[in-house]
N, C-alpha and C. Protein backbone atom coordinates (compact mmCIF):
# COMPACT_ATOMS: atom_id res chain seq x y z
N MET A 1 0.84 -1.15 -0.02
CA MET A 1 0.00 0.00 -0.03
C MET A 1 0.90 1.22 0.00
N ILE A 2 0.52 2.23 -0.75
CA ILE A 2 1.22 3.50 -0.79
C ILE A 2 0.30 4.58 -0.20
N CYS A 3 0.86 5.34 0.73
CA CYS A 3 0.08 6.37 1.38
C CYS A 3 0.80 7.72 1.22
N ALA A 4 0.12 8.70 0.73
CA ALA A 4 0.68 10.05 0.57
C ALA A 4 0.08 10.96 1.62
N LEU A 5 0.92 11.57 2.43
CA LEU A 5 0.43 12.49 3.47
C LEU A 5 0.71 13.90 3.03
N LEU A 6 -0.28 14.75 3.09
CA LEU A 6 -0.11 16.15 2.69
C LEU A 6 0.53 17.02 3.78
N SER A 7 0.44 16.55 5.03
CA SER A 7 1.02 17.30 6.13
C SER A 7 2.41 16.76 6.46
N PHE A 8 3.42 17.57 6.20
CA PHE A 8 4.81 17.14 6.50
C PHE A 8 5.00 16.88 8.00
N PRO A 9 4.50 17.75 8.92
CA PRO A 9 4.67 17.47 10.35
C PRO A 9 4.00 16.13 10.75
N LEU A 10 2.87 15.82 10.17
CA LEU A 10 2.20 14.54 10.49
C LEU A 10 3.05 13.37 10.00
N LYS A 11 3.57 13.47 8.78
CA LYS A 11 4.40 12.41 8.23
C LYS A 11 5.65 12.21 9.11
N GLU A 12 6.29 13.31 9.50
CA GLU A 12 7.46 13.18 10.36
C GLU A 12 7.15 12.59 11.70
N SER A 13 5.99 12.94 12.25
CA SER A 13 5.56 12.34 13.54
C SER A 13 5.39 10.85 13.41
N ILE A 14 4.74 10.41 12.33
CA ILE A 14 4.50 8.98 12.10
C ILE A 14 5.85 8.25 11.91
N MET A 15 6.72 8.84 11.06
CA MET A 15 8.01 8.17 10.83
C MET A 15 8.85 8.11 12.09
N ARG A 16 8.85 9.17 12.92
CA ARG A 16 9.60 9.15 14.15
C ARG A 16 9.08 8.04 15.09
N ALA A 17 7.76 7.92 15.19
CA ALA A 17 7.17 6.89 16.04
C ALA A 17 7.50 5.51 15.48
N ALA A 18 7.50 5.36 14.19
CA ALA A 18 7.79 4.06 13.56
C ALA A 18 9.25 3.64 13.79
N ARG A 19 10.17 4.63 13.77
CA ARG A 19 11.58 4.29 14.00
C ARG A 19 11.80 3.86 15.45
N ALA A 20 10.97 4.31 16.36
CA ALA A 20 11.12 3.96 17.77
C ALA A 20 10.65 2.54 18.08
N GLN A 21 9.83 1.98 17.16
CA GLN A 21 9.29 0.60 17.33
C GLN A 21 10.19 -0.38 16.63
N GLN A 22 10.34 -1.57 17.22
CA GLN A 22 11.08 -2.63 16.55
C GLN A 22 10.23 -3.28 15.49
N HIS A 23 8.98 -3.54 15.81
CA HIS A 23 8.04 -4.18 14.89
C HIS A 23 6.72 -3.48 14.95
N ILE A 24 6.08 -3.29 13.79
CA ILE A 24 4.74 -2.76 13.72
C ILE A 24 3.89 -3.83 13.09
N THR A 25 2.82 -4.21 13.80
CA THR A 25 1.93 -5.23 13.25
C THR A 25 0.48 -4.71 13.29
N TYR A 26 -0.27 -5.18 12.34
CA TYR A 26 -1.69 -4.84 12.27
C TYR A 26 -2.39 -6.12 11.78
N MET A 27 -3.32 -6.63 12.55
CA MET A 27 -4.06 -7.87 12.20
C MET A 27 -3.11 -8.97 11.83
N GLU A 28 -2.04 -9.16 12.67
CA GLU A 28 -1.05 -10.20 12.53
C GLU A 28 -0.17 -10.07 11.30
N ALA A 29 -0.21 -8.94 10.65
CA ALA A 29 0.69 -8.70 9.51
C ALA A 29 1.73 -7.66 9.88
N GLN A 30 3.00 -7.92 9.54
CA GLN A 30 4.05 -7.00 9.85
C GLN A 30 4.02 -5.86 8.81
N ILE A 31 4.16 -4.63 9.28
CA ILE A 31 4.10 -3.45 8.42
C ILE A 31 5.46 -2.78 8.43
N SER A 32 5.95 -2.38 7.27
CA SER A 32 7.20 -1.62 7.16
C SER A 32 6.90 -0.25 6.55
N LEU A 33 7.51 0.79 7.09
CA LEU A 33 7.31 2.13 6.57
C LEU A 33 8.63 2.60 5.97
N TYR A 34 8.54 3.21 4.78
CA TYR A 34 9.73 3.73 4.09
C TYR A 34 9.41 5.15 3.62
N GLN A 35 10.42 5.99 3.71
CA GLN A 35 10.28 7.34 3.18
C GLN A 35 10.39 7.26 1.65
N ASP A 36 9.69 8.17 0.98
CA ASP A 36 9.80 8.30 -0.46
C ASP A 36 10.96 9.21 -0.75
N LEU A 37 12.03 8.65 -1.29
CA LEU A 37 13.22 9.45 -1.62
C LEU A 37 13.39 9.51 -3.14
N SER A 38 13.80 10.64 -3.64
CA SER A 38 13.97 10.82 -5.06
C SER A 38 15.17 9.98 -5.58
N THR A 39 15.17 9.73 -6.86
CA THR A 39 16.27 8.99 -7.48
C THR A 39 17.57 9.71 -7.24
N ILE A 40 17.55 11.04 -7.34
CA ILE A 40 18.79 11.83 -7.14
C ILE A 40 19.29 11.63 -5.73
N THR A 41 18.40 11.68 -4.75
CA THR A 41 18.82 11.47 -3.35
C THR A 41 19.39 10.07 -3.15
N LEU A 42 18.74 9.06 -3.73
CA LEU A 42 19.25 7.69 -3.60
C LEU A 42 20.60 7.55 -4.25
N ASP A 43 20.79 8.17 -5.43
CA ASP A 43 22.09 8.11 -6.14
C ASP A 43 23.16 8.76 -5.29
N ALA A 44 22.85 9.92 -4.67
CA ALA A 44 23.85 10.63 -3.86
C ALA A 44 24.20 9.81 -2.64
N ARG A 45 23.22 9.18 -2.03
CA ARG A 45 23.50 8.36 -0.83
C ARG A 45 24.38 7.15 -1.24
N ARG A 46 24.10 6.58 -2.38
CA ARG A 46 24.88 5.45 -2.88
C ARG A 46 26.32 5.90 -3.14
N ALA A 47 26.51 7.05 -3.72
CA ALA A 47 27.82 7.57 -4.05
C ALA A 47 28.62 7.83 -2.73
N LEU A 48 27.95 8.23 -1.69
CA LEU A 48 28.59 8.54 -0.42
C LEU A 48 28.77 7.35 0.51
N ARG A 49 28.35 6.18 0.06
CA ARG A 49 28.44 4.98 0.91
C ARG A 49 29.84 4.74 1.45
N PRO A 50 30.94 4.87 0.65
CA PRO A 50 32.28 4.67 1.22
C PRO A 50 32.57 5.69 2.36
N LEU A 51 32.08 6.88 2.22
CA LEU A 51 32.27 7.91 3.21
C LEU A 51 31.49 7.56 4.49
N THR A 52 30.24 7.15 4.35
CA THR A 52 29.48 6.82 5.56
C THR A 52 30.05 5.60 6.26
N ARG A 53 30.57 4.64 5.51
CA ARG A 53 31.25 3.48 6.12
C ARG A 53 32.44 3.95 6.96
N ALA A 54 33.23 4.86 6.42
CA ALA A 54 34.40 5.42 7.14
C ALA A 54 33.93 6.13 8.41
N LEU A 55 32.83 6.87 8.34
CA LEU A 55 32.32 7.57 9.53
C LEU A 55 31.86 6.52 10.58
N GLN A 56 31.20 5.46 10.14
CA GLN A 56 30.73 4.42 11.05
C GLN A 56 31.93 3.75 11.71
N GLU A 57 32.96 3.45 10.93
CA GLU A 57 34.18 2.77 11.49
C GLU A 57 34.81 3.65 12.57
N ARG A 58 34.76 4.93 12.41
CA ARG A 58 35.36 5.84 13.41
C ARG A 58 34.35 6.34 14.43
N ARG A 59 33.17 5.76 14.39
CA ARG A 59 32.10 6.12 15.36
C ARG A 59 31.82 7.65 15.34
N ILE A 60 31.81 8.22 14.15
CA ILE A 60 31.45 9.64 14.01
C ILE A 60 29.96 9.68 13.70
N PRO A 61 29.13 10.29 14.54
CA PRO A 61 27.70 10.32 14.28
C PRO A 61 27.37 11.17 13.03
N TYR A 62 26.42 10.67 12.25
CA TYR A 62 26.00 11.41 11.08
C TYR A 62 24.51 11.18 10.87
N LYS A 63 23.94 12.08 10.06
CA LYS A 63 22.53 11.92 9.70
C LYS A 63 22.33 12.50 8.30
N TRP A 64 21.23 12.12 7.69
CA TRP A 64 20.88 12.62 6.36
C TRP A 64 19.94 13.80 6.57
N GLY A 65 20.11 14.88 5.76
CA GLY A 65 19.26 16.04 5.82
C GLY A 65 18.37 16.09 4.60
N PHE A 66 17.37 16.98 4.68
CA PHE A 66 16.42 17.16 3.58
C PHE A 66 16.63 18.50 2.93
N PRO A 67 16.55 18.66 1.65
CA PRO A 67 16.25 17.65 0.64
C PRO A 67 17.45 16.72 0.42
N PHE A 68 18.67 17.21 0.45
CA PHE A 68 19.82 16.27 0.48
C PHE A 68 20.99 16.95 1.17
N SER A 69 21.52 16.26 2.16
CA SER A 69 22.77 16.62 2.81
C SER A 69 23.21 15.43 3.66
N LEU A 70 24.50 15.34 3.86
CA LEU A 70 25.06 14.42 4.82
C LEU A 70 25.71 15.31 5.91
N GLN A 71 25.26 15.08 7.14
CA GLN A 71 25.69 15.93 8.26
C GLN A 71 26.38 15.04 9.29
N ALA A 72 27.61 15.39 9.62
CA ALA A 72 28.36 14.60 10.62
C ALA A 72 28.81 15.53 11.73
N ARG A 73 28.72 15.03 12.96
CA ARG A 73 29.10 15.85 14.12
C ARG A 73 30.53 15.46 14.53
N MET A 74 31.40 16.45 14.52
CA MET A 74 32.79 16.24 14.93
C MET A 74 33.03 17.24 16.02
N GLY A 75 33.28 16.74 17.25
CA GLY A 75 33.35 17.62 18.40
C GLY A 75 31.98 18.16 18.63
N ASN A 76 31.84 19.46 18.76
CA ASN A 76 30.52 20.09 18.95
C ASN A 76 30.04 20.80 17.70
N VAL A 77 30.64 20.47 16.54
CA VAL A 77 30.31 21.14 15.31
C VAL A 77 29.79 20.16 14.27
N TRP A 78 28.69 20.55 13.62
CA TRP A 78 28.16 19.73 12.52
C TRP A 78 28.81 20.19 11.22
N HIS A 79 29.33 19.26 10.46
CA HIS A 79 29.92 19.53 9.12
C HIS A 79 29.00 18.93 8.09
N ILE A 80 28.78 19.64 6.99
CA ILE A 80 27.71 19.24 6.04
C ILE A 80 28.28 19.11 4.63
N ILE A 81 27.79 18.05 3.95
CA ILE A 81 28.04 17.87 2.53
C ILE A 81 26.70 18.06 1.83
N ARG A 82 26.65 19.01 0.93
CA ARG A 82 25.44 19.21 0.10
C ARG A 82 25.75 18.94 -1.39
N TRP A 83 26.99 19.18 -1.76
CA TRP A 83 27.40 19.07 -3.16
C TRP A 83 28.68 18.25 -3.24
N PRO A 84 28.99 17.67 -4.38
CA PRO A 84 30.19 16.89 -4.54
C PRO A 84 31.47 17.69 -4.18
N ASN A 85 31.49 18.99 -4.47
CA ASN A 85 32.70 19.75 -4.19
C ASN A 85 32.89 20.03 -2.67
N ASP A 86 31.93 19.64 -1.84
CA ASP A 86 32.07 19.73 -0.38
C ASP A 86 32.88 18.59 0.21
N VAL A 87 33.01 17.48 -0.59
CA VAL A 87 33.64 16.25 -0.05
C VAL A 87 35.06 16.46 0.37
N PRO A 88 35.97 17.03 -0.42
CA PRO A 88 37.39 17.14 -0.01
C PRO A 88 37.58 17.88 1.33
N ARG A 89 36.86 19.01 1.49
CA ARG A 89 36.97 19.77 2.76
C ARG A 89 36.44 18.91 3.91
N PHE A 90 35.36 18.20 3.69
CA PHE A 90 34.77 17.36 4.72
C PHE A 90 35.78 16.28 5.13
N LEU A 91 36.43 15.64 4.14
CA LEU A 91 37.43 14.60 4.45
C LEU A 91 38.59 15.16 5.28
N ARG A 92 39.07 16.34 4.90
CA ARG A 92 40.15 16.97 5.65
C ARG A 92 39.71 17.26 7.10
N THR A 93 38.52 17.81 7.26
CA THR A 93 37.99 18.18 8.58
C THR A 93 37.86 16.96 9.47
N ALA A 94 37.46 15.82 8.88
CA ALA A 94 37.22 14.60 9.64
C ALA A 94 38.48 13.77 9.77
N ASN A 95 39.60 14.24 9.24
CA ASN A 95 40.87 13.48 9.21
C ASN A 95 40.67 12.11 8.61
N LEU A 96 39.90 12.04 7.53
CA LEU A 96 39.67 10.80 6.83
C LEU A 96 40.62 10.70 5.67
N PRO A 97 41.04 9.51 5.29
CA PRO A 97 41.90 9.36 4.12
C PRO A 97 41.16 9.73 2.86
N ALA A 98 41.90 9.96 1.77
CA ALA A 98 41.23 10.26 0.49
C ALA A 98 40.29 9.11 0.13
N ILE A 99 39.06 9.45 -0.13
CA ILE A 99 38.04 8.46 -0.49
C ILE A 99 37.48 8.89 -1.82
N SER A 100 37.46 7.99 -2.77
CA SER A 100 36.94 8.29 -4.09
C SER A 100 35.40 8.30 -4.03
N VAL A 101 34.83 9.44 -4.30
CA VAL A 101 33.37 9.57 -4.30
C VAL A 101 32.97 10.11 -5.68
N PRO A 102 32.12 9.39 -6.42
CA PRO A 102 31.74 9.89 -7.73
C PRO A 102 30.89 11.16 -7.59
N ASN A 103 30.96 11.99 -8.63
CA ASN A 103 30.16 13.20 -8.66
C ASN A 103 28.73 12.80 -8.99
N TRP A 104 27.90 12.72 -7.97
CA TRP A 104 26.53 12.18 -8.14
C TRP A 104 25.64 13.09 -9.00
N ILE A 105 26.08 14.32 -9.21
CA ILE A 105 25.27 15.21 -10.01
C ILE A 105 25.55 15.07 -11.49
N LEU A 106 26.81 14.80 -11.85
CA LEU A 106 27.18 14.69 -13.26
C LEU A 106 27.24 13.27 -13.76
N GLU A 107 27.37 12.30 -12.91
CA GLU A 107 27.50 10.91 -13.36
C GLU A 107 26.20 10.46 -14.01
N GLU A 108 26.33 9.69 -15.06
CA GLU A 108 25.19 9.12 -15.71
C GLU A 108 24.74 7.92 -14.88
N PRO A 109 23.44 7.77 -14.62
CA PRO A 109 22.98 6.62 -13.87
C PRO A 109 23.17 5.38 -14.75
N PRO A 110 23.24 4.18 -14.17
CA PRO A 110 23.41 2.96 -14.94
C PRO A 110 22.23 2.83 -15.92
N ALA A 111 22.49 2.24 -17.07
CA ALA A 111 21.47 2.08 -18.10
C ALA A 111 20.40 1.13 -17.52
N ARG A 112 19.15 1.49 -17.82
CA ARG A 112 18.03 0.70 -17.39
C ARG A 112 17.27 0.20 -18.60
N ALA A 113 16.66 -0.93 -18.42
CA ALA A 113 15.79 -1.43 -19.52
C ALA A 113 14.51 -0.57 -19.51
N THR A 114 14.10 -0.20 -20.71
CA THR A 114 12.88 0.58 -20.80
C THR A 114 11.74 -0.40 -21.01
N GLY A 115 10.82 -0.40 -20.09
CA GLY A 115 9.66 -1.28 -20.18
C GLY A 115 8.52 -0.61 -19.48
N PRO A 116 7.40 -1.33 -19.33
CA PRO A 116 6.21 -0.72 -18.72
C PRO A 116 6.49 -0.17 -17.31
N SER A 117 7.38 -0.83 -16.54
CA SER A 117 7.65 -0.36 -15.20
C SER A 117 8.49 0.90 -15.17
N GLU A 118 9.16 1.22 -16.28
CA GLU A 118 10.07 2.39 -16.34
C GLU A 118 9.43 3.60 -16.96
N VAL A 119 8.18 3.47 -17.44
CA VAL A 119 7.55 4.57 -18.14
C VAL A 119 7.51 5.88 -17.32
N ALA A 120 7.25 5.74 -16.02
CA ALA A 120 7.13 6.94 -15.17
C ALA A 120 8.41 7.78 -15.17
N HIS A 121 9.59 7.15 -15.40
CA HIS A 121 10.83 7.90 -15.38
C HIS A 121 10.97 8.81 -16.59
N ASN A 122 10.20 8.58 -17.64
CA ASN A 122 10.33 9.33 -18.86
C ASN A 122 9.28 10.42 -19.03
N ILE A 123 8.45 10.61 -18.05
CA ILE A 123 7.36 11.57 -18.12
C ILE A 123 7.87 12.93 -17.64
N HIS A 124 7.55 13.98 -18.39
CA HIS A 124 7.91 15.34 -17.97
C HIS A 124 6.62 16.00 -17.50
N LEU A 125 6.59 16.41 -16.22
CA LEU A 125 5.41 17.03 -15.69
C LEU A 125 5.63 18.52 -15.54
N GLU A 126 4.66 19.31 -15.98
CA GLU A 126 4.68 20.75 -15.81
C GLU A 126 4.02 21.08 -14.47
N PRO A 127 4.53 22.09 -13.77
CA PRO A 127 3.88 22.43 -12.50
C PRO A 127 2.49 22.94 -12.76
N GLY A 128 1.56 22.54 -11.92
CA GLY A 128 0.16 22.99 -12.03
C GLY A 128 -0.13 24.08 -11.02
N PRO A 129 -1.38 24.50 -10.90
CA PRO A 129 -1.75 25.51 -9.95
C PRO A 129 -1.57 24.94 -8.53
N PRO A 130 -1.28 25.80 -7.57
CA PRO A 130 -1.11 25.33 -6.19
C PRO A 130 -2.41 24.69 -5.66
N ARG A 131 -2.20 23.64 -4.87
CA ARG A 131 -3.36 23.00 -4.27
C ARG A 131 -3.76 23.69 -2.97
N ARG A 132 -5.04 23.71 -2.71
CA ARG A 132 -5.51 24.23 -1.42
C ARG A 132 -5.36 23.14 -0.36
N ARG A 133 -4.94 23.58 0.83
CA ARG A 133 -4.79 22.60 1.92
C ARG A 133 -6.16 22.21 2.47
N GLY A 134 -6.34 20.93 2.77
CA GLY A 134 -7.48 20.45 3.46
C GLY A 134 -8.73 20.25 2.63
N GLY A 135 -8.69 20.55 1.35
CA GLY A 135 -9.88 20.37 0.54
C GLY A 135 -9.58 19.46 -0.65
N PRO A 136 -10.60 19.15 -1.40
CA PRO A 136 -10.37 18.27 -2.58
C PRO A 136 -9.62 19.04 -3.66
N ILE A 137 -8.98 18.28 -4.54
CA ILE A 137 -8.29 18.88 -5.66
C ILE A 137 -9.28 19.09 -6.74
N GLY A 138 -9.42 20.27 -7.23
CA GLY A 138 -10.41 20.52 -8.27
C GLY A 138 -10.40 22.01 -8.64
N PRO A 139 -11.38 22.43 -9.43
CA PRO A 139 -11.41 23.84 -9.85
C PRO A 139 -11.56 24.77 -8.69
N GLU A 140 -10.98 25.93 -8.81
CA GLU A 140 -11.12 26.98 -7.75
C GLU A 140 -12.55 27.38 -7.64
N GLU A 141 -13.03 27.65 -6.46
CA GLU A 141 -14.40 28.07 -6.25
C GLU A 141 -14.49 29.57 -6.26
């Protein structure tokens, strides 16, 4: 089941509560909740995997930011990667060895087979009129 929540604070509240639980069950079925992350965000996280492994090995706390950032706390200061050119400074600050991180913005994603399940990736959507909060989507009254 896919559920879209229009209220960001409500979604965050649900996700925070879900992370605090080991298992969520409903009518004897286990339920898993996942955030909807863009392809670009997933590609960036994949590209930074060697860096996050190095942070984990050194027990340096880090977290992911929205829309995209990697934030690591060193001492009492948070250091942030938002763009590929932030990586070298971040590595120096963290005293990490040189780690090869691909430029997730310029790299071409791996080739995918084009089929019915991939059609959504090829659609170009134009922005529409803003939606009103709390009401149905439809013509303005």
